[in-house]
Amino acid sequence: MAKDRSHPDQYRRNSRSFGISHVWKRAVICAALSALPLVAGAEGWPRSVPHEAGELTLKQVPERIVSTTPSVTGILLAIDAPVIASAATAQGPLTDDKGFFSQWAEVADQRGVQPLYPDLQFDIEAIIGAAPDLLIASANGGDSVMQFYPEIEALGLPALVVDYSTHSWQDIARQLGRATGHEAEAEAAIKRFDSHAAKAAANMTLPKGKATIVGYNIAGSYSVGRPESPQAQVLTALGFDIVPIPDDMQGEITRSSNFDFVSRENLSAAIPGETVFLMSGSDEDVQAFMDDPVLANHPAVKAGRVYPLGRSSFRIDYYSGLQMIDKVAGQFGTP
């Protein structure tokens, strides 16, 4: 059995409750995001951008953006937004030595992005010192700073709050594109991503049957991905048919997000796919999965059809999504 792996905030949720007003705001934001491709480039300045904490009016194109959410920094870089600093997470196997996620750390270095503060330890003085004309924050997850939002607002710092738990990276890219005047760059990034997935899919030979995404022993938890999860969306674009926990196992779910969590004892019965992909998994994790006696009789284990999605697949942005595509293509690509 694999050793317990500490994991970023894929499995943590901020306890803040936004209530009915948040549900209404989310509906407004979803409607706005769905219309963005139609109005991209047609809007001048100043402009108002709806977000998870209200509405932000920006007088001009931002030139000094700071990100308090490393989970979103990669999206900002993908649309070529002028990011000058980003919060860093704790150093580990998923980061560089500054705490920047490895999938976008090199790009950040090339563009001179500086660590805003380490270990996700909110530092208002560091933010003030950076003199941002736009601050990006997350509504939830381990990198959320919503408990400090009143302080940010009181200082008059222009802040835009995104929700990566309910919106795809493409949705967020369009929202950030509008806020930064980089609408065209957002659409270009999405087009590049889709093209990369299509080219990979055209050169892959897929196994027969359906597939399931599993979070195996991540911070001691076990889970099965939903078809609407970002990881499933990437695999679907590659041609896989992703299936969730069976209906007769719904009562065993202990909590849900983009993944449904179950006990280790119920994991085998909760995996209906003949092929299994391990979210945030490595070759070592595949071996641990195959060696787990609880899973010994699962068809995917017996057939040796268990595959890693790579460490960076814990959260899908432009860069980690490309890495996931390449990882899967390397496993199923035709010579």
C-alpha atoms as a PDB file:
ATOM      1  CA  MET A   1       0.000   0.000   0.000  1.00  0.00           C
ATOM      2  CA  ALA A   2       1.302   3.460  -0.897  1.00  0.00           C
ATOM      3  CA  LYS A   3       2.547   5.698   1.801  1.00  0.00           C
ATOM      4  CA  ASP A   4       0.231   8.540   2.705  1.00  0.00           C
ATOM      5  CA  ARG A   5       0.877  11.548   0.488  1.00  0.00           C
ATOM      6  CA  SER A   6       0.320  15.102   1.605  1.00  0.00           C
ATOM      7  CA  HIS A   7      -1.613  16.909  -1.050  1.00  0.00           C
ATOM      8  CA  PRO A   8      -2.474  20.457  -2.056  1.00  0.00           C
ATOM      9  CA  ASP A   9      -5.941  21.834  -1.562  1.00  0.00           C
ATOM     10  CA  GLN A  10      -7.768  19.540  -4.022  1.00  0.00           C
ATOM     11  CA  TYR A  11      -9.401  17.969  -0.976  1.00  0.00           C
ATOM     12  CA  ARG A  12      -9.721  20.981   1.274  1.00  0.00           C
ATOM     13  CA  ARG A  13     -12.539  23.465   1.189  1.00  0.00           C
ATOM     14  CA  ASN A  14     -12.746  26.807   2.881  1.00  0.00           C
ATOM     15  CA  SER A  15     -15.425  26.684   5.537  1.00  0.00           C
ATOM     16  CA  ARG A  16     -16.789  30.117   4.675  1.00  0.00           C
ATOM     17  CA  SER A  17     -20.434  30.013   3.613  1.00  0.00           C
ATOM     18  CA  PHE A  18     -21.673  32.602   1.139  1.00  0.00           C
ATOM     19  CA  GLY A  19     -25.358  31.735   1.484  1.00  0.00           C
ATOM     20  CA  ILE A  20     -28.106  32.611  -0.980  1.00  0.00           C
ATOM     21  CA  SER A  21     -26.377  35.768  -2.196  1.00  0.00           C
ATOM     22  CA  HIS A  22     -23.385  33.683  -3.290  1.00  0.00           C
ATOM     23  CA  VAL A  23     -25.646  31.341  -5.260  1.00  0.00           C
ATOM     24  CA  TRP A  24     -27.169  34.360  -7.014  1.00  0.00           C
ATOM     25  CA  LYS A  25     -23.740  35.827  -7.743  1.00  0.00           C
ATOM     26  CA  ARG A  26     -22.575  32.510  -9.139  1.00  0.00           C
ATOM     27  CA  ALA A  27     -25.524  32.459 -11.533  1.00  0.00           C
ATOM     28  CA  VAL A  28     -24.658  35.976 -12.683  1.00  0.00           C
ATOM     29  CA  ILE A  29     -21.013  35.044 -13.161  1.00  0.00           C
ATOM     30  CA  CYS A  30     -21.879  31.882 -15.092  1.00  0.00           C
ATOM     31  CA  ALA A  31     -24.110  33.899 -17.407  1.00  0.00           C
ATOM     32  CA  ALA A  32     -21.388  36.484 -17.900  1.00  0.00           C
ATOM     33  CA  LEU A  33     -18.734  33.855 -18.584  1.00  0.00           C
ATOM     34  CA  SER A  34     -20.884  32.129 -21.187  1.00  0.00           C
ATOM     35  CA  ALA A  35     -21.176  35.393 -23.101  1.00  0.00           C
ATOM     36  CA  LEU A  36     -17.534  36.416 -22.979  1.00  0.00           C
ATOM     37  CA  PRO A  37     -16.415  34.941 -26.320  1.00  0.00           C
ATOM     38  CA  LEU A  38     -19.148  36.955 -28.036  1.00  0.00           C
ATOM     39  CA  VAL A  39     -18.044  40.309 -26.647  1.00  0.00           C
ATOM     40  CA  ALA A  40     -14.287  39.797 -26.416  1.00  0.00           C
ATOM     41  CA  GLY A  41     -12.423  42.856 -27.570  1.00  0.00           C
ATOM     42  CA  ALA A  42     -15.585  44.934 -27.998  1.00  0.00           C
ATOM     43  CA  GLU A  43     -15.442  46.614 -24.603  1.00  0.00           C
ATOM     44  CA  GLY A  44     -13.406  49.629 -23.590  1.00  0.00           C
ATOM     45  CA  TRP A  45     -12.296  51.071 -20.268  1.00  0.00           C
ATOM     46  CA  PRO A  46     -13.405  51.540 -17.587  1.00  0.00           C
ATOM     47  CA  ARG A  47     -15.217  48.210 -17.361  1.00  0.00           C
ATOM     48  CA  SER A  48     -17.032  46.295 -14.643  1.00  0.00           C
ATOM     49  CA  VAL A  49     -16.326  42.621 -14.003  1.00  0.00           C
ATOM     50  CA  PRO A  50     -18.673  40.455 -11.879  1.00  0.00           C
ATOM     51  CA  HIS A  51     -16.900  38.069  -9.529  1.00  0.00           C
ATOM     52  CA  GLU A  52     -17.486  35.878  -6.482  1.00  0.00           C
ATOM     53  CA  ALA A  53     -17.405  38.793  -4.017  1.00  0.00           C
ATOM     54  CA  GLY A  54     -19.401  41.322  -6.019  1.00  0.00           C
ATOM     55  CA  GLU A  55     -18.434  43.515  -8.955  1.00  0.00           C
ATOM     56  CA  LEU A  56     -15.110  45.182  -9.667  1.00  0.00           C
ATOM     57  CA  THR A  57     -14.772  48.327 -11.767  1.00  0.00           C
ATOM     58  CA  LEU A  58     -11.388  48.756 -13.419  1.00  0.00           C
ATOM     59  CA  LYS A  59     -10.541  52.162 -14.842  1.00  0.00           C
ATOM     60  CA  GLN A  60      -7.745  50.970 -17.120  1.00  0.00           C
ATOM     61  CA  VAL A  61      -5.806  47.918 -18.248  1.00  0.00           C
ATOM     62  CA  PRO A  62      -4.017  46.399 -15.210  1.00  0.00           C
ATOM     63  CA  GLU A  63      -0.227  46.438 -15.409  1.00  0.00           C
ATOM     64  CA  ARG A  64       0.744  45.094 -11.965  1.00  0.00           C
ATOM     65  CA  ILE A  65      -1.193  41.949 -11.072  1.00  0.00           C
ATOM     66  CA  VAL A  66      -0.563  39.942  -7.914  1.00  0.00           C
ATOM     67  CA  SER A  67      -2.065  36.504  -7.344  1.00  0.00           C
ATOM     68  CA  THR A  68      -2.847  35.233  -3.857  1.00  0.00           C
ATOM     69  CA  THR A  69      -3.937  31.913  -5.370  1.00  0.00           C
ATOM     70  CA  PRO A  70      -1.210  29.722  -6.899  1.00  0.00           C
ATOM     71  CA  SER A  71      -3.961  27.526  -8.313  1.00  0.00           C
ATOM     72  CA  VAL A  72      -4.884  30.389 -10.651  1.00  0.00           C
ATOM     73  CA  THR A  73      -1.444  31.882 -11.326  1.00  0.00           C
ATOM     74  CA  GLY A  74      -0.881  29.417 -14.155  1.00  0.00           C
ATOM     75  CA  ILE A  75      -4.027  30.624 -15.902  1.00  0.00           C
ATOM     76  CA  LEU A  76      -2.843  34.223 -15.654  1.00  0.00           C
ATOM     77  CA  LEU A  77       0.467  33.214 -17.202  1.00  0.00           C
ATOM     78  CA  ALA A  78      -1.289  31.261 -19.952  1.00  0.00           C
ATOM     79  CA  ILE A  79      -3.158  34.387 -21.079  1.00  0.00           C
ATOM     80  CA  ASP A  80       0.028  36.465 -20.853  1.00  0.00           C
ATOM     81  CA  ALA A  81      -1.335  38.696 -18.088  1.00  0.00           C
ATOM     82  CA  PRO A  82       1.224  41.013 -16.423  1.00  0.00           C
ATOM     83  CA  VAL A  83       1.703  39.047 -13.195  1.00  0.00           C
ATOM     84  CA  ILE A  84       4.439  40.534 -11.028  1.00  0.00           C
ATOM     85  CA  ALA A  85       4.069  38.317  -7.948  1.00  0.00           C
ATOM     86  CA  SER A  86       2.274  35.201  -6.748  1.00  0.00           C
ATOM     87  CA  ALA A  87       1.722  33.605  -3.388  1.00  0.00           C
ATOM     88  CA  ALA A  88       3.763  30.429  -2.985  1.00  0.00           C
ATOM     89  CA  THR A  89       2.682  27.171  -1.413  1.00  0.00           C
ATOM     90  CA  ALA A  90       4.790  24.891   0.770  1.00  0.00           C
ATOM     91  CA  GLN A  91       7.757  23.396  -1.043  1.00  0.00           C
ATOM     92  CA  GLY A  92       7.255  19.773  -2.038  1.00  0.00           C
ATOM     93  CA  PRO A  93       7.273  17.308  -4.924  1.00  0.00           C
ATOM     94  CA  LEU A  94       4.776  19.443  -6.859  1.00  0.00           C
ATOM     95  CA  THR A  95       6.730  22.703  -6.599  1.00  0.00           C
ATOM     96  CA  ASP A  96      10.058  24.319  -7.306  1.00  0.00           C
ATOM     97  CA  ASP A  97      12.283  25.566  -4.495  1.00  0.00           C
ATOM     98  CA  LYS A  98      10.214  28.774  -4.191  1.00  0.00           C
ATOM     99  CA  GLY A  99       6.900  26.982  -3.743  1.00  0.00           C
ATOM    100  CA  PHE A 100       5.680  27.717  -7.288  1.00  0.00           C
ATOM    101  CA  PHE A 101       3.857  24.794  -8.905  1.00  0.00           C
ATOM    102  CA  SER A 102       6.241  22.964 -11.210  1.00  0.00           C
ATOM    103  CA  GLN A 103       3.938  23.031 -14.238  1.00  0.00           C
ATOM    104  CA  TRP A 104       4.223  26.822 -14.566  1.00  0.00           C
ATOM    105  CA  ALA A 105       7.275  27.692 -12.449  1.00  0.00           C
ATOM    106  CA  GLU A 106       9.634  27.941 -15.431  1.00  0.00           C
ATOM    107  CA  VAL A 107       7.299  30.305 -17.265  1.00  0.00           C
ATOM    108  CA  ALA A 108       6.972  32.415 -14.110  1.00  0.00           C
ATOM    109  CA  ASP A 109      10.751  32.633 -13.819  1.00  0.00           C
ATOM    110  CA  GLN A 110      11.077  33.669 -17.451  1.00  0.00           C
ATOM    111  CA  ARG A 111       8.612  36.503 -16.854  1.00  0.00           C
ATOM    112  CA  GLY A 112      10.158  37.661 -13.605  1.00  0.00           C
ATOM    113  CA  VAL A 113       7.278  36.678 -11.317  1.00  0.00           C
ATOM    114  CA  GLN A 114       8.352  37.044  -7.688  1.00  0.00           C
ATOM    115  CA  PRO A 115       7.080  35.115  -4.641  1.00  0.00           C
ATOM    116  CA  LEU A 116       4.514  37.316  -2.884  1.00  0.00           C
ATOM    117  CA  TYR A 117       4.713  35.405   0.401  1.00  0.00           C
ATOM    118  CA  PRO A 118       5.642  31.776   1.279  1.00  0.00           C
ATOM    119  CA  ASP A 119       3.628  28.773   2.461  1.00  0.00           C
ATOM    120  CA  LEU A 120       0.276  30.438   1.699  1.00  0.00           C
ATOM    121  CA  GLN A 121       0.773  32.594   4.794  1.00  0.00           C
ATOM    122  CA  PHE A 122      -1.255  35.688   3.970  1.00  0.00           C
ATOM    123  CA  ASP A 123       0.823  38.857   4.301  1.00  0.00           C
ATOM    124  CA  ILE A 124      -1.046  42.113   3.736  1.00  0.00           C
ATOM    125  CA  GLU A 125       2.158  44.150   4.006  1.00  0.00           C
ATOM    126  CA  ALA A 126       3.705  42.156   1.165  1.00  0.00           C
ATOM    127  CA  ILE A 127       0.635  42.861  -0.937  1.00  0.00           C
ATOM    128  CA  ILE A 128       0.737  46.583  -0.182  1.00  0.00           C
ATOM    129  CA  GLY A 129       4.448  46.644  -0.962  1.00  0.00           C
ATOM    130  CA  ALA A 130       3.819  45.096  -4.373  1.00  0.00           C
ATOM    131  CA  ALA A 131       1.514  48.035  -5.222  1.00  0.00           C
ATOM    132  CA  PRO A 132      -0.854  45.985  -7.394  1.00  0.00           C
ATOM    133  CA  ASP A 133      -3.469  47.509  -9.647  1.00  0.00           C
ATOM    134  CA  LEU A 134      -5.286  44.148  -9.602  1.00  0.00           C
ATOM    135  CA  LEU A 135      -5.290  41.388  -6.985  1.00  0.00           C
ATOM    136  CA  ILE A 136      -6.562  37.904  -7.826  1.00  0.00           C
ATOM    137  CA  ALA A 137      -7.991  35.781  -4.999  1.00  0.00           C
ATOM    138  CA  SER A 138      -9.774  32.458  -4.662  1.00  0.00           C
ATOM    139  CA  ALA A 139     -13.179  31.956  -3.077  1.00  0.00           C
ATOM    140  CA  ASN A 140     -12.236  28.550  -1.697  1.00  0.00           C
ATOM    141  CA  GLY A 141      -9.526  25.956  -1.350  1.00  0.00           C
ATOM    142  CA  GLY A 142      -6.345  25.971   0.673  1.00  0.00           C
ATOM    143  CA  ASP A 143      -5.149  29.165  -1.009  1.00  0.00           C
ATOM    144  CA  SER A 144      -8.304  31.145  -0.284  1.00  0.00           C
ATOM    145  CA  VAL A 145      -7.843  34.472   1.501  1.00  0.00           C
ATOM    146  CA  MET A 146     -11.536  35.242   1.878  1.00  0.00           C
ATOM    147  CA  GLN A 147     -11.197  35.625   5.648  1.00  0.00           C
ATOM    148  CA  PHE A 148      -8.962  38.604   4.871  1.00  0.00           C
ATOM    149  CA  TYR A 149     -11.147  40.038   2.118  1.00  0.00           C
ATOM    150  CA  PRO A 150     -12.672  42.772   4.320  1.00  0.00           C
ATOM    151  CA  GLU A 151      -9.137  43.980   5.082  1.00  0.00           C
ATOM    152  CA  ILE A 152      -8.230  43.950   1.388  1.00  0.00           C
ATOM    153  CA  GLU A 153     -11.419  45.831   0.557  1.00  0.00           C
ATOM    154  CA  ALA A 154     -10.902  48.383   3.354  1.00  0.00           C
ATOM    155  CA  LEU A 155      -7.486  49.262   1.930  1.00  0.00           C
ATOM    156  CA  GLY A 156      -9.043  49.974  -1.443  1.00  0.00           C
ATOM    157  CA  LEU A 157      -7.076  47.242  -3.201  1.00  0.00           C
ATOM    158  CA  PRO A 158      -8.813  46.249  -6.455  1.00  0.00           C
ATOM    159  CA  ALA A 159      -9.531  42.542  -5.953  1.00  0.00           C
ATOM    160  CA  LEU A 160     -11.226  39.977  -8.160  1.00  0.00           C
ATOM    161  CA  VAL A 161     -12.308  36.680  -6.587  1.00  0.00           C
ATOM    162  CA  VAL A 162     -12.590  33.528  -8.707  1.00  0.00           C
ATOM    163  CA  ASP A 163     -14.014  30.095  -7.901  1.00  0.00           C
ATOM    164  CA  TYR A 164     -11.975  27.286  -9.412  1.00  0.00           C
ATOM    165  CA  SER A 165     -14.106  24.621  -7.689  1.00  0.00           C
ATOM    166  CA  THR A 166     -17.102  25.290  -9.934  1.00  0.00           C
ATOM    167  CA  HIS A 167     -15.523  26.811 -13.052  1.00  0.00           C
ATOM    168  CA  SER A 168     -13.147  25.249 -15.546  1.00  0.00           C
ATOM    169  CA  TRP A 169      -9.778  26.827 -16.215  1.00  0.00           C
ATOM    170  CA  GLN A 170     -11.196  27.937 -19.559  1.00  0.00           C
ATOM    171  CA  ASP A 171     -14.045  29.796 -17.818  1.00  0.00           C
ATOM    172  CA  ILE A 172     -11.617  31.470 -15.453  1.00  0.00           C
ATOM    173  CA  ALA A 173      -9.281  32.345 -18.331  1.00  0.00           C
ATOM    174  CA  ARG A 174     -12.126  34.190 -20.041  1.00  0.00           C
ATOM    175  CA  GLN A 175     -13.091  35.987 -16.830  1.00  0.00           C
ATOM    176  CA  LEU A 176      -9.492  37.024 -16.206  1.00  0.00           C
ATOM    177  CA  GLY A 177      -9.081  37.897 -19.864  1.00  0.00           C
ATOM    178  CA  ARG A 178     -11.879  40.414 -19.592  1.00  0.00           C
ATOM    179  CA  ALA A 179     -10.514  41.837 -16.348  1.00  0.00           C
ATOM    180  CA  THR A 180      -7.030  42.277 -17.810  1.00  0.00           C
ATOM    181  CA  GLY A 181      -7.846  43.244 -21.379  1.00  0.00           C
ATOM    182  CA  HIS A 182      -6.403  39.931 -22.556  1.00  0.00           C
ATOM    183  CA  GLU A 183      -9.567  38.490 -24.060  1.00  0.00           C
ATOM    184  CA  ALA A 184      -7.836  37.524 -27.296  1.00  0.00           C
ATOM    185  CA  GLU A 185      -4.980  35.869 -25.411  1.00  0.00           C
ATOM    186  CA  ALA A 186      -7.476  33.850 -23.344  1.00  0.00           C
ATOM    187  CA  GLU A 187      -9.206  32.568 -26.464  1.00  0.00           C
ATOM    188  CA  ALA A 188      -5.834  31.794 -28.051  1.00  0.00           C
ATOM    189  CA  ALA A 189      -4.766  29.742 -25.013  1.00  0.00           C
ATOM    190  CA  ILE A 190      -8.010  27.769 -25.086  1.00  0.00           C
ATOM    191  CA  LYS A 191      -7.607  27.143 -28.812  1.00  0.00           C
ATOM    192  CA  ARG A 192      -4.015  25.934 -28.326  1.00  0.00           C
ATOM    193  CA  PHE A 193      -5.129  23.588 -25.565  1.00  0.00           C
ATOM    194  CA  ASP A 194      -7.993  22.138 -27.593  1.00  0.00           C
ATOM    195  CA  SER A 195      -5.738  21.697 -30.609  1.00  0.00           C
ATOM    196  CA  HIS A 196      -3.131  19.888 -28.523  1.00  0.00           C
ATOM    197  CA  ALA A 197      -5.787  17.526 -27.150  1.00  0.00           C
ATOM    198  CA  ALA A 198      -7.214  16.853 -30.609  1.00  0.00           C
ATOM    199  CA  LYS A 199      -3.791  16.059 -32.074  1.00  0.00           C
ATOM    200  CA  ALA A 200      -3.012  13.719 -29.191  1.00  0.00           C
ATOM    201  CA  ALA A 201      -6.374  11.958 -29.508  1.00  0.00           C
ATOM    202  CA  ALA A 202      -5.843  11.407 -33.234  1.00  0.00           C
ATOM    203  CA  ASN A 203      -2.690   9.414 -32.494  1.00  0.00           C
ATOM    204  CA  MET A 204      -3.988   7.279 -29.641  1.00  0.00           C
ATOM    205  CA  THR A 205      -5.346   3.737 -29.553  1.00  0.00           C
ATOM    206  CA  LEU A 206      -7.803   3.499 -26.670  1.00  0.00           C
ATOM    207  CA  PRO A 207      -8.596   0.384 -24.632  1.00  0.00           C
ATOM    208  CA  LYS A 208     -12.081  -1.052 -24.888  1.00  0.00           C
ATOM    209  CA  GLY A 209     -14.644  -0.265 -22.237  1.00  0.00           C
ATOM    210  CA  LYS A 210     -15.117   2.572 -19.807  1.00  0.00           C
ATOM    211  CA  ALA A 211     -12.661   4.335 -17.524  1.00  0.00           C
ATOM    212  CA  THR A 212     -12.750   5.716 -13.986  1.00  0.00           C
ATOM    213  CA  ILE A 213     -10.518   8.313 -12.333  1.00  0.00           C
ATOM    214  CA  VAL A 214      -9.432   7.478  -8.800  1.00  0.00           C
ATOM    215  CA  GLY A 215      -7.805   9.524  -6.074  1.00  0.00           C
ATOM    216  CA  TYR A 216      -5.842   6.785  -4.337  1.00  0.00           C
ATOM    217  CA  ASN A 217      -4.479   7.289  -0.817  1.00  0.00           C
ATOM    218  CA  ILE A 218      -4.137  11.039  -1.231  1.00  0.00           C
ATOM    219  CA  ALA A 219      -3.666  12.455   2.253  1.00  0.00           C
ATOM    220  CA  GLY A 220      -5.224   9.199   3.454  1.00  0.00           C
ATOM    221  CA  SER A 221      -8.359   9.597   1.338  1.00  0.00           C
ATOM    222  CA  TYR A 222      -9.915   7.543  -1.461  1.00  0.00           C
ATOM    223  CA  SER A 223     -12.196   8.989  -4.101  1.00  0.00           C
ATOM    224  CA  VAL A 224     -13.704   8.537  -7.542  1.00  0.00           C
ATOM    225  CA  GLY A 225     -13.851  11.336 -10.094  1.00  0.00           C
ATOM    226  CA  ARG A 226     -17.109  12.623 -11.455  1.00  0.00           C
ATOM    227  CA  PRO A 227     -17.558  12.908 -15.243  1.00  0.00           C
ATOM    228  CA  GLU A 228     -17.767  16.702 -14.886  1.00  0.00           C
ATOM    229  CA  SER A 229     -14.453  16.943 -13.022  1.00  0.00           C
ATOM    230  CA  PRO A 230     -11.667  18.816 -14.843  1.00  0.00           C
ATOM    231  CA  GLN A 231      -9.605  15.639 -15.086  1.00  0.00           C
ATOM    232  CA  ALA A 232     -12.531  13.787 -16.639  1.00  0.00           C
ATOM    233  CA  GLN A 233     -13.096  16.581 -19.136  1.00  0.00           C
ATOM    234  CA  VAL A 234      -9.517  16.235 -20.373  1.00  0.00           C
ATOM    235  CA  LEU A 235      -9.820  12.461 -20.693  1.00  0.00           C
ATOM    236  CA  THR A 236     -13.169  12.831 -22.446  1.00  0.00           C
ATOM    237  CA  ALA A 237     -11.530  15.161 -24.963  1.00  0.00           C
ATOM    238  CA  LEU A 238      -9.026  12.372 -25.602  1.00  0.00           C
ATOM    239  CA  GLY A 239     -11.851   9.939 -26.349  1.00  0.00           C
ATOM    240  CA  PHE A 240     -12.315   8.099 -23.048  1.00  0.00           C
ATOM    241  CA  ASP A 241     -15.757   7.329 -21.612  1.00  0.00           C
ATOM    242  CA  ILE A 242     -15.484   8.298 -17.941  1.00  0.00           C
ATOM    243  CA  VAL A 243     -17.930   6.703 -15.519  1.00  0.00           C
ATOM    244  CA  PRO A 244     -18.575   7.659 -11.863  1.00  0.00           C
ATOM    245  CA  ILE A 245     -19.438   5.685  -8.755  1.00  0.00           C
ATOM    246  CA  PRO A 246     -22.322   3.269  -9.477  1.00  0.00           C
ATOM    247  CA  ASP A 247     -25.796   4.240  -8.345  1.00  0.00           C
ATOM    248  CA  ASP A 248     -25.919   1.426  -5.808  1.00  0.00           C
ATOM    249  CA  MET A 249     -22.804   2.835  -4.106  1.00  0.00           C
ATOM    250  CA  GLN A 250     -24.108   6.376  -3.674  1.00  0.00           C
ATOM    251  CA  GLY A 251     -24.969   5.688  -0.053  1.00  0.00           C
ATOM    252  CA  GLU A 252     -21.319   4.972   0.710  1.00  0.00           C
ATOM    253  CA  ILE A 253     -20.134   8.449  -0.308  1.00  0.00           C
ATOM    254  CA  THR A 254     -18.820  10.361   2.687  1.00  0.00           C
ATOM    255  CA  ARG A 255     -18.346  13.737   0.975  1.00  0.00           C
ATOM    256  CA  SER A 256     -18.262  15.160  -2.521  1.00  0.00           C
ATOM    257  CA  SER A 257     -16.604  17.808  -4.649  1.00  0.00           C
ATOM    258  CA  ASN A 258     -15.396  17.021  -8.158  1.00  0.00           C
ATOM    259  CA  PHE A 259     -14.600  13.639  -6.607  1.00  0.00           C
ATOM    260  CA  ASP A 260     -16.817  11.407  -4.465  1.00  0.00           C
ATOM    261  CA  PHE A 261     -15.058  10.110  -1.370  1.00  0.00           C
ATOM    262  CA  VAL A 262     -15.474   6.597  -0.009  1.00  0.00           C
ATOM    263  CA  SER A 263     -13.711   4.369   2.491  1.00  0.00           C
ATOM    264  CA  ARG A 264     -10.802   2.223   1.326  1.00  0.00           C
ATOM    265  CA  GLU A 265     -12.894  -0.879   1.979  1.00  0.00           C
ATOM    266  CA  ASN A 266     -15.557   0.346  -0.468  1.00  0.00           C
ATOM    267  CA  LEU A 267     -13.147   1.587  -3.117  1.00  0.00           C
ATOM    268  CA  SER A 268     -13.114  -1.494  -5.350  1.00  0.00           C
ATOM    269  CA  ALA A 269     -16.906  -1.608  -5.626  1.00  0.00           C
ATOM    270  CA  ALA A 270     -16.955   2.141  -6.256  1.00  0.00           C
ATOM    271  CA  ILE A 271     -14.802   1.829  -9.406  1.00  0.00           C
ATOM    272  CA  PRO A 272     -16.943   0.687 -12.368  1.00  0.00           C
ATOM    273  CA  GLY A 273     -14.406   1.336 -15.124  1.00  0.00           C
ATOM    274  CA  GLU A 274     -12.355  -1.407 -16.760  1.00  0.00           C
ATOM    275  CA  THR A 275      -9.522   1.121 -17.000  1.00  0.00           C
ATOM    276  CA  VAL A 276      -8.365   3.181 -14.018  1.00  0.00           C
ATOM    277  CA  PHE A 277      -6.510   6.499 -14.056  1.00  0.00           C
ATOM    278  CA  LEU A 278      -4.875   7.681 -10.850  1.00  0.00           C
ATOM    279  CA  MET A 279      -5.317  11.394 -10.267  1.00  0.00           C
ATOM    280  CA  SER A 280      -2.036  12.947  -9.109  1.00  0.00           C
ATOM    281  CA  GLY A 281      -0.567   9.482  -9.530  1.00  0.00           C
ATOM    282  CA  SER A 282       2.929   8.298 -10.375  1.00  0.00           C
ATOM    283  CA  ASP A 283       4.276   4.904 -11.435  1.00  0.00           C
ATOM    284  CA  GLU A 284       4.909   4.211  -7.755  1.00  0.00           C
ATOM    285  CA  ASP A 285       1.256   4.874  -6.973  1.00  0.00           C
ATOM    286  CA  VAL A 286       0.161   2.565  -9.776  1.00  0.00           C
ATOM    287  CA  GLN A 287       2.248  -0.214  -8.257  1.00  0.00           C
ATOM    288  CA  ALA A 288       0.784   0.449  -4.810  1.00  0.00           C
ATOM    289  CA  PHE A 289      -2.729   0.326  -6.283  1.00  0.00           C
ATOM    290  CA  MET A 290      -1.954  -2.955  -8.046  1.00  0.00           C
ATOM    291  CA  ASP A 291      -0.495  -4.433  -4.846  1.00  0.00           C
ATOM    292  CA  ASP A 292      -3.359  -3.366  -2.578  1.00  0.00           C
ATOM    293  CA  PRO A 293      -5.121  -6.560  -1.410  1.00  0.00           C
ATOM    294  CA  VAL A 294      -8.431  -4.703  -1.170  1.00  0.00           C
ATOM    295  CA  LEU A 295      -8.272  -4.123  -4.934  1.00  0.00           C
ATOM    296  CA  ALA A 296      -6.788  -7.471  -5.983  1.00  0.00           C
ATOM    297  CA  ASN A 297      -9.967  -8.720  -7.675  1.00  0.00           C
ATOM    298  CA  HIS A 298     -10.808  -5.533  -9.552  1.00  0.00           C
ATOM    299  CA  PRO A 299     -10.884  -6.090 -13.350  1.00  0.00           C
ATOM    300  CA  ALA A 300      -8.503  -3.180 -13.997  1.00  0.00           C
ATOM    301  CA  VAL A 301      -5.951  -4.677 -11.609  1.00  0.00           C
ATOM    302  CA  LYS A 302      -6.272  -8.160 -13.073  1.00  0.00           C
ATOM    303  CA  ALA A 303      -5.848  -6.779 -16.591  1.00  0.00           C
ATOM    304  CA  GLY A 304      -3.040  -4.400 -15.636  1.00  0.00           C
ATOM    305  CA  ARG A 305      -5.023  -1.406 -16.876  1.00  0.00           C
ATOM    306  CA  VAL A 306      -4.106   1.143 -14.198  1.00  0.00           C
ATOM    307  CA  TYR A 307      -2.357   4.331 -15.336  1.00  0.00           C
ATOM    308  CA  PRO A 308      -0.965   7.474 -13.674  1.00  0.00           C
ATOM    309  CA  LEU A 309      -2.122  10.952 -14.681  1.00  0.00           C
ATOM    310  CA  GLY A 310       0.990  12.600 -13.250  1.00  0.00           C
ATOM    311  CA  ARG A 311       1.561  14.579 -10.084  1.00  0.00           C
ATOM    312  CA  SER A 312       0.394  17.909 -11.505  1.00  0.00           C
ATOM    313  CA  SER A 313      -3.047  16.509 -12.417  1.00  0.00           C
ATOM    314  CA  PHE A 314      -4.347  17.309  -8.916  1.00  0.00           C
ATOM    315  CA  ARG A 315      -5.734  20.541 -10.377  1.00  0.00           C
ATOM    316  CA  ILE A 316      -6.127  21.242 -14.058  1.00  0.00           C
ATOM    317  CA  ASP A 317      -5.037  24.552 -15.501  1.00  0.00           C
ATOM    318  CA  TYR A 318      -3.561  25.279 -18.923  1.00  0.00           C
ATOM    319  CA  TYR A 319      -0.107  23.942 -18.056  1.00  0.00           C
ATOM    320  CA  SER A 320      -1.044  20.928 -15.926  1.00  0.00           C
ATOM    321  CA  GLY A 321      -3.725  20.026 -18.467  1.00  0.00           C
ATOM    322  CA  LEU A 322      -1.123  19.924 -21.232  1.00  0.00           C
ATOM    323  CA  GLN A 323       1.091  17.758 -19.027  1.00  0.00           C
ATOM    324  CA  MET A 324      -1.807  15.392 -18.381  1.00  0.00           C
ATOM    325  CA  ILE A 325      -2.563  15.125 -22.097  1.00  0.00           C
ATOM    326  CA  ASP A 326       1.061  14.303 -22.835  1.00  0.00           C
ATOM    327  CA  LYS A 327       1.165  11.753 -20.013  1.00  0.00           C
ATOM    328  CA  VAL A 328      -1.872   9.892 -21.326  1.00  0.00           C
ATOM    329  CA  ALA A 329      -0.755  10.179 -24.940  1.00  0.00           C
ATOM    330  CA  GLY A 330       2.551   8.599 -23.968  1.00  0.00           C
ATOM    331  CA  GLN A 331       0.676   5.606 -22.562  1.00  0.00           C
ATOM    332  CA  PHE A 332      -1.757   5.085 -25.432  1.00  0.00           C
ATOM    333  CA  GLY A 333      -0.104   6.806 -28.367  1.00  0.00           C
ATOM    334  CA  THR A 334       0.531   4.902 -31.581  1.00  0.00           C
ATOM    335  CA  PRO A 335       4.113   4.722 -32.837  1.00  0.00           C
END
